Amino acid sequence: MNDEIKKKLMVKEKWLRALFMLLFFIIGYILIGLICLIAVFQFIWDLFAVYPNEKVLVFSKQLNSYAYQIINFLTYNSEEKPFPFNHWPPSS
């Protein structure tokens, strides 16, 4: 094995990032399920009410922003770790 490759494989930060990526992959998978449940809830709510539930709308906007942060981290477009290592995204 090439010495340069060995050096790269021994970098602790790369393995730590891999651990965080695994954690956020699992969180993202759960998040997709939660977003689907919210979509079903909002549809059922909309059948019986005039407007979608405002509080759930705000929360779902925050979840969408959080999912975007996770995707950016997983795809190396951001080095900032999402919540709980950073602030929860505000609703825009």
N, C-alpha and C. Protein backbone atom coordinates (compact mmCIF):
# COMPACT_ATOMS: atom_id res chain seq x y z
N MET A 1 0.84 -1.18 0.00
CA MET A 1 0.00 0.00 0.00
C MET A 1 0.89 1.24 0.00
N ASN A 2 0.50 2.19 -0.75
CA ASN A 2 1.23 3.43 -0.88
C ASN A 2 1.26 4.17 0.46
N ASP A 3 2.40 4.76 0.80
CA ASP A 3 2.53 5.49 2.08
C ASP A 3 1.57 6.67 2.16
N GLU A 4 1.33 7.31 1.03
CA GLU A 4 0.42 8.46 1.02
C GLU A 4 -1.01 8.02 1.35
N ILE A 5 -1.41 6.89 0.82
CA ILE A 5 -2.75 6.36 1.11
C ILE A 5 -2.84 5.96 2.58
N LYS A 6 -1.78 5.36 3.11
CA LYS A 6 -1.77 4.99 4.53
C LYS A 6 -1.93 6.22 5.41
N LYS A 7 -1.24 7.31 5.05
CA LYS A 7 -1.36 8.55 5.83
C LYS A 7 -2.78 9.07 5.81
N LYS A 8 -3.41 9.04 4.64
CA LYS A 8 -4.79 9.53 4.51
C LYS A 8 -5.76 8.68 5.32
N LEU A 9 -5.50 7.37 5.34
CA LEU A 9 -6.38 6.47 6.08
C LEU A 9 -6.22 6.59 7.59
N MET A 10 -5.13 7.15 8.03
CA MET A 10 -4.86 7.28 9.46
C MET A 10 -5.30 8.62 10.04
N VAL A 11 -5.89 9.48 9.22
CA VAL A 11 -6.32 10.80 9.69
C VAL A 11 -7.59 10.62 10.53
N LYS A 12 -7.47 10.98 11.79
CA LYS A 12 -8.55 10.79 12.76
C LYS A 12 -9.80 11.58 12.37
N GLU A 13 -9.63 12.79 11.83
CA GLU A 13 -10.76 13.66 11.50
C GLU A 13 -11.65 13.04 10.42
N LYS A 14 -11.05 12.32 9.49
CA LYS A 14 -11.83 11.68 8.43
C LYS A 14 -12.74 10.59 9.00
N TRP A 15 -12.22 9.82 9.94
CA TRP A 15 -13.03 8.76 10.55
C TRP A 15 -14.09 9.35 11.48
N LEU A 16 -13.78 10.46 12.12
CA LEU A 16 -14.76 11.13 12.96
C LEU A 16 -15.91 11.67 12.10
N ARG A 17 -15.55 12.25 10.95
CA ARG A 17 -16.59 12.73 10.04
C ARG A 17 -17.45 11.56 9.56
N ALA A 18 -16.83 10.43 9.28
CA ALA A 18 -17.59 9.25 8.84
C ALA A 18 -18.59 8.83 9.91
N LEU A 19 -18.20 8.91 11.16
CA LEU A 19 -19.10 8.58 12.26
C LEU A 19 -20.27 9.56 12.31
N PHE A 20 -19.99 10.86 12.16
CA PHE A 20 -21.05 11.86 12.13
C PHE A 20 -21.95 11.67 10.91
N MET A 21 -21.35 11.31 9.79
CA MET A 21 -22.16 11.08 8.59
C MET A 21 -23.12 9.92 8.80
N LEU A 22 -22.66 8.86 9.44
CA LEU A 22 -23.54 7.73 9.74
C LEU A 22 -24.67 8.16 10.66
N LEU A 23 -24.34 8.93 11.69
CA LEU A 23 -25.35 9.43 12.62
C LEU A 23 -26.40 10.26 11.88
N PHE A 24 -25.96 11.20 11.03
CA PHE A 24 -26.91 12.06 10.34
C PHE A 24 -27.65 11.34 9.22
N PHE A 25 -27.07 10.27 8.69
CA PHE A 25 -27.80 9.45 7.73
C PHE A 25 -28.99 8.78 8.42
N ILE A 26 -28.77 8.26 9.61
CA ILE A 26 -29.84 7.62 10.37
C ILE A 26 -30.91 8.66 10.75
N ILE A 27 -30.47 9.82 11.23
CA ILE A 27 -31.41 10.89 11.58
C ILE A 27 -32.22 11.31 10.35
N GLY A 28 -31.55 11.44 9.21
CA GLY A 28 -32.24 11.82 7.97
C GLY A 28 -33.28 10.79 7.55
N TYR A 29 -32.95 9.53 7.72
CA TYR A 29 -33.90 8.47 7.39
C TYR A 29 -35.15 8.57 8.26
N ILE A 30 -34.98 8.81 9.54
CA ILE A 30 -36.11 8.98 10.46
C ILE A 30 -36.89 10.24 10.09
N LEU A 31 -36.17 11.28 9.72
CA LEU A 31 -36.77 12.56 9.36
C LEU A 31 -37.70 12.42 8.16
N ILE A 32 -37.32 11.61 7.19
CA ILE A 32 -38.17 11.39 6.02
C ILE A 32 -39.51 10.79 6.45
N GLY A 33 -39.47 9.82 7.34
CA GLY A 33 -40.70 9.22 7.85
C GLY A 33 -41.57 10.23 8.57
N LEU A 34 -40.95 11.08 9.37
CA LEU A 34 -41.68 12.11 10.11
C LEU A 34 -42.32 13.11 9.15
N ILE A 35 -41.61 13.50 8.11
CA ILE A 35 -42.16 14.44 7.13
C ILE A 35 -43.35 13.81 6.41
N CYS A 36 -43.27 12.52 6.10
CA CYS A 36 -44.41 11.84 5.47
C CYS A 36 -45.62 11.80 6.40
N LEU A 37 -45.39 11.56 7.68
CA LEU A 37 -46.49 11.57 8.65
C LEU A 37 -47.12 12.95 8.74
N ILE A 38 -46.31 13.98 8.72
CA ILE A 38 -46.83 15.35 8.77
C ILE A 38 -47.67 15.64 7.53
N ALA A 39 -47.22 15.17 6.37
CA ALA A 39 -47.98 15.39 5.14
C ALA A 39 -49.36 14.73 5.23
N VAL A 40 -49.41 13.50 5.74
CA VAL A 40 -50.69 12.80 5.90
C VAL A 40 -51.56 13.53 6.92
N PHE A 41 -50.97 13.95 8.04
CA PHE A 41 -51.71 14.68 9.07
C PHE A 41 -52.31 15.96 8.50
N GLN A 42 -51.50 16.72 7.76
CA GLN A 42 -51.98 17.98 7.19
C GLN A 42 -53.11 17.74 6.19
N PHE A 43 -53.02 16.67 5.43
CA PHE A 43 -54.09 16.36 4.49
C PHE A 43 -55.39 16.05 5.23
N ILE A 44 -55.29 15.21 6.26
CA ILE A 44 -56.49 14.87 7.05
C ILE A 44 -57.04 16.12 7.74
N TRP A 45 -56.15 16.94 8.29
CA TRP A 45 -56.56 18.18 8.93
C TRP A 45 -57.30 19.08 7.93
N ASP A 46 -56.76 19.16 6.72
CA ASP A 46 -57.34 20.01 5.68
C ASP A 46 -58.72 19.53 5.24
N LEU A 47 -58.99 18.23 5.38
CA LEU A 47 -60.32 17.72 5.04
C LEU A 47 -61.39 18.27 5.97
N PHE A 48 -61.02 18.51 7.23
CA PHE A 48 -62.01 18.92 8.23
C PHE A 48 -61.92 20.39 8.63
N ALA A 49 -60.84 21.04 8.31
CA ALA A 49 -60.67 22.45 8.67
C ALA A 49 -60.57 23.28 7.39
N VAL A 50 -60.64 24.59 7.56
CA VAL A 50 -60.56 25.47 6.40
C VAL A 50 -59.13 25.62 5.92
N TYR A 51 -58.17 25.69 6.85
CA TYR A 51 -56.76 25.91 6.51
C TYR A 51 -55.91 24.82 7.15
N PRO A 52 -54.72 24.59 6.59
CA PRO A 52 -53.78 23.66 7.24
C PRO A 52 -53.40 24.17 8.64
N ASN A 53 -53.00 23.27 9.50
CA ASN A 53 -52.62 23.61 10.87
C ASN A 53 -51.37 24.49 10.84
N GLU A 54 -51.49 25.71 11.35
CA GLU A 54 -50.41 26.70 11.28
C GLU A 54 -49.17 26.27 12.07
N LYS A 55 -49.38 25.70 13.25
CA LYS A 55 -48.23 25.28 14.06
C LYS A 55 -47.47 24.14 13.39
N VAL A 56 -48.19 23.24 12.77
CA VAL A 56 -47.54 22.14 12.07
C VAL A 56 -46.82 22.65 10.82
N LEU A 57 -47.38 23.67 10.17
CA LEU A 57 -46.70 24.29 9.02
C LEU A 57 -45.35 24.86 9.42
N VAL A 58 -45.32 25.58 10.54
CA VAL A 58 -44.06 26.17 11.01
C VAL A 58 -43.05 25.07 11.33
N PHE A 59 -43.51 24.03 12.03
CA PHE A 59 -42.62 22.93 12.39
C PHE A 59 -42.11 22.21 11.15
N SER A 60 -42.98 22.00 10.16
CA SER A 60 -42.56 21.29 8.96
C SER A 60 -41.56 22.13 8.15
N LYS A 61 -41.69 23.45 8.17
CA LYS A 61 -40.70 24.30 7.51
C LYS A 61 -39.34 24.15 8.19
N GLN A 62 -39.35 24.06 9.51
CA GLN A 62 -38.10 23.86 10.25
C GLN A 62 -37.51 22.49 9.93
N LEU A 63 -38.34 21.47 9.85
CA LEU A 63 -37.86 20.12 9.51
C LEU A 63 -37.26 20.10 8.10
N ASN A 64 -37.90 20.81 7.17
CA ASN A 64 -37.37 20.88 5.81
C ASN A 64 -35.99 21.55 5.80
N SER A 65 -35.84 22.62 6.57
CA SER A 65 -34.54 23.30 6.66
C SER A 65 -33.50 22.39 7.31
N TYR A 66 -33.93 21.64 8.32
CA TYR A 66 -33.02 20.70 8.99
C TYR A 66 -32.58 19.60 8.03
N ALA A 67 -33.52 19.07 7.24
CA ALA A 67 -33.18 18.04 6.25
C ALA A 67 -32.18 18.60 5.24
N TYR A 68 -32.36 19.86 4.85
CA TYR A 68 -31.44 20.50 3.91
C TYR A 68 -30.04 20.61 4.53
N GLN A 69 -29.97 20.96 5.81
CA GLN A 69 -28.67 21.04 6.49
C GLN A 69 -28.00 19.66 6.52
N ILE A 70 -28.77 18.64 6.81
CA ILE A 70 -28.22 17.28 6.85
C ILE A 70 -27.69 16.88 5.48
N ILE A 71 -28.46 17.14 4.43
CA ILE A 71 -28.03 16.78 3.08
C ILE A 71 -26.75 17.53 2.71
N ASN A 72 -26.68 18.81 3.07
CA ASN A 72 -25.47 19.58 2.79
C ASN A 72 -24.26 18.99 3.51
N PHE A 73 -24.44 18.57 4.75
CA PHE A 73 -23.33 17.97 5.50
C PHE A 73 -22.93 16.63 4.88
N LEU A 74 -23.90 15.80 4.55
CA LEU A 74 -23.60 14.47 4.01
C LEU A 74 -22.92 14.53 2.65
N THR A 75 -23.22 15.56 1.88
CA THR A 75 -22.65 15.67 0.53
C THR A 75 -21.42 16.57 0.49
N TYR A 76 -20.88 16.90 1.65
CA TYR A 76 -19.66 17.71 1.77
C TYR A 76 -19.83 19.14 1.26
N ASN A 77 -21.07 19.62 1.15
CA ASN A 77 -21.30 21.01 0.78
C ASN A 77 -21.21 21.92 1.98
N SER A 78 -21.14 21.35 3.17
CA SER A 78 -21.00 22.12 4.40
C SER A 78 -20.19 21.30 5.40
N GLU A 79 -19.37 22.01 6.15
CA GLU A 79 -18.62 21.36 7.22
C GLU A 79 -19.32 21.53 8.56
N GLU A 80 -20.35 22.36 8.60
CA GLU A 80 -21.09 22.59 9.85
C GLU A 80 -22.01 21.41 10.11
N LYS A 81 -21.89 20.86 11.30
CA LYS A 81 -22.76 19.76 11.69
C LYS A 81 -24.14 20.33 12.04
N PRO A 82 -25.20 19.68 11.58
CA PRO A 82 -26.55 20.14 11.92
C PRO A 82 -26.87 19.92 13.40
N PHE A 83 -28.06 20.33 13.81
CA PHE A 83 -28.55 20.12 15.17
C PHE A 83 -28.36 18.66 15.53
N PRO A 84 -27.92 18.31 16.66
CA PRO A 84 -27.77 19.01 17.93
C PRO A 84 -26.40 19.66 18.14
N PHE A 85 -25.56 19.64 17.11
CA PHE A 85 -24.24 20.27 17.24
C PHE A 85 -24.24 21.72 16.81
N ASN A 86 -25.36 22.18 16.31
CA ASN A 86 -25.55 23.55 15.89
C ASN A 86 -26.97 23.95 16.28
N HIS A 87 -27.36 25.16 15.96
CA HIS A 87 -28.69 25.64 16.33
C HIS A 87 -29.75 24.98 15.47
N TRP A 88 -30.96 24.82 16.05
CA TRP A 88 -32.11 24.33 15.30
C TRP A 88 -32.47 25.40 14.27
N PRO A 89 -32.76 25.00 13.03
CA PRO A 89 -33.04 26.01 12.00
C PRO A 89 -34.33 26.78 12.28
N PRO A 90 -34.29 28.09 12.07
CA PRO A 90 -35.52 28.88 12.26
C PRO A 90 -36.48 28.66 11.11
N SER A 91 -37.75 28.94 11.34
CA SER A 91 -38.70 28.87 10.23
C SER A 91 -38.59 30.15 9.42
N SER A 92 -38.52 30.02 8.12
CA SER A 92 -38.34 31.21 7.30
C SER A 92 -39.65 31.73 6.79
